[in-house]
Amino acid sequence: MDAEAKPVGNLTPHAASKRLRFGMAMLALALVAAVVLHEMSSSRWWRLALFVPFVLAAHGVFMGLYRT
């Protein structure tokens, strides 16, 4: 039998790293936008729009960490 380690998930290390970087960048963008909207005392509906960047951030981080 070969002692080769089978890769976990279906992403190559480069693709996983790329998705992790994207997720972290989206998280930073969403946090900055949240602070700016809070300081401007914007309405709840504008802050609700932050759902999209936070979901993209979570999706990218999870794909990068779990290589799926």
Protein backbone atom coordinates (compact mmCIF):
# COMPACT_ATOMS: atom_id res chain seq x y z
CA MET A 1 0.00 0.00 0.00
CA ASP A 2 1.07 3.53 -0.68
CA ALA A 3 1.54 5.80 2.29
CA GLU A 4 0.37 8.88 0.40
CA ALA A 5 -1.86 11.24 2.32
CA LYS A 6 -5.15 11.85 0.58
CA PRO A 7 -6.14 15.52 0.32
CA VAL A 8 -9.01 16.62 2.51
CA GLY A 9 -11.72 18.37 0.53
CA ASN A 10 -11.78 19.17 -3.14
CA LEU A 11 -9.75 22.40 -3.26
CA THR A 12 -6.07 22.64 -3.98
CA PRO A 13 -3.97 24.46 -1.37
CA HIS A 14 -3.73 27.49 -3.67
CA ALA A 15 -7.50 27.67 -4.18
CA ALA A 16 -8.17 27.25 -0.45
CA SER A 17 -5.71 30.04 0.33
CA LYS A 18 -7.36 32.27 -2.28
CA ARG A 19 -10.81 31.73 -0.78
CA LEU A 20 -9.53 32.28 2.75
CA ARG A 21 -7.95 35.60 1.71
CA PHE A 22 -11.21 36.63 0.02
CA GLY A 23 -13.17 35.76 3.15
CA MET A 24 -10.84 37.73 5.40
CA ALA A 25 -10.94 40.73 3.05
CA MET A 26 -14.74 40.66 3.02
CA LEU A 27 -14.79 40.41 6.81
CA ALA A 28 -12.56 43.47 7.09
CA LEU A 29 -14.71 45.38 4.60
CA ALA A 30 -17.92 44.42 6.40
CA LEU A 31 -16.52 45.45 9.78
CA VAL A 32 -15.35 48.83 8.47
CA ALA A 33 -18.72 49.39 6.80
CA ALA A 34 -20.53 48.44 10.02
CA VAL A 35 -18.52 50.94 12.04
CA VAL A 36 -19.06 53.69 9.46
CA LEU A 37 -22.80 53.06 9.28
CA HIS A 38 -23.05 52.98 13.07
CA GLU A 39 -21.14 56.24 13.47
CA MET A 40 -23.33 57.90 10.84
CA SER A 41 -26.43 56.75 12.76
CA SER A 42 -27.84 55.26 9.60
CA SER A 43 -31.20 53.54 9.55
CA ARG A 44 -31.67 49.90 10.34
CA TRP A 45 -32.36 49.11 6.68
CA TRP A 46 -28.95 50.37 5.57
CA ARG A 47 -27.28 48.26 8.25
CA LEU A 48 -29.30 45.27 7.11
CA ALA A 49 -27.44 45.48 3.79
CA LEU A 50 -24.31 44.39 5.70
CA PHE A 51 -25.77 40.89 5.71
CA VAL A 52 -24.36 40.31 2.22
CA PRO A 53 -20.68 41.06 2.94
CA PHE A 54 -20.81 39.13 6.22
CA VAL A 55 -22.29 36.09 4.46
CA LEU A 56 -19.64 36.31 1.74
CA ALA A 57 -16.97 36.56 4.42
CA ALA A 58 -18.26 33.50 6.26
CA HIS A 59 -18.57 31.55 3.03
CA GLY A 60 -15.02 32.37 1.94
CA VAL A 61 -13.48 31.61 5.33
CA PHE A 62 -15.29 28.29 5.69
CA MET A 63 -14.40 27.25 2.15
CA GLY A 64 -10.77 28.15 2.78
CA LEU A 65 -10.52 26.39 6.11
CA TYR A 66 -12.42 23.23 5.22
CA ARG A 67 -11.33 23.09 1.55
CA THR A 68 -14.80 22.48 0.20
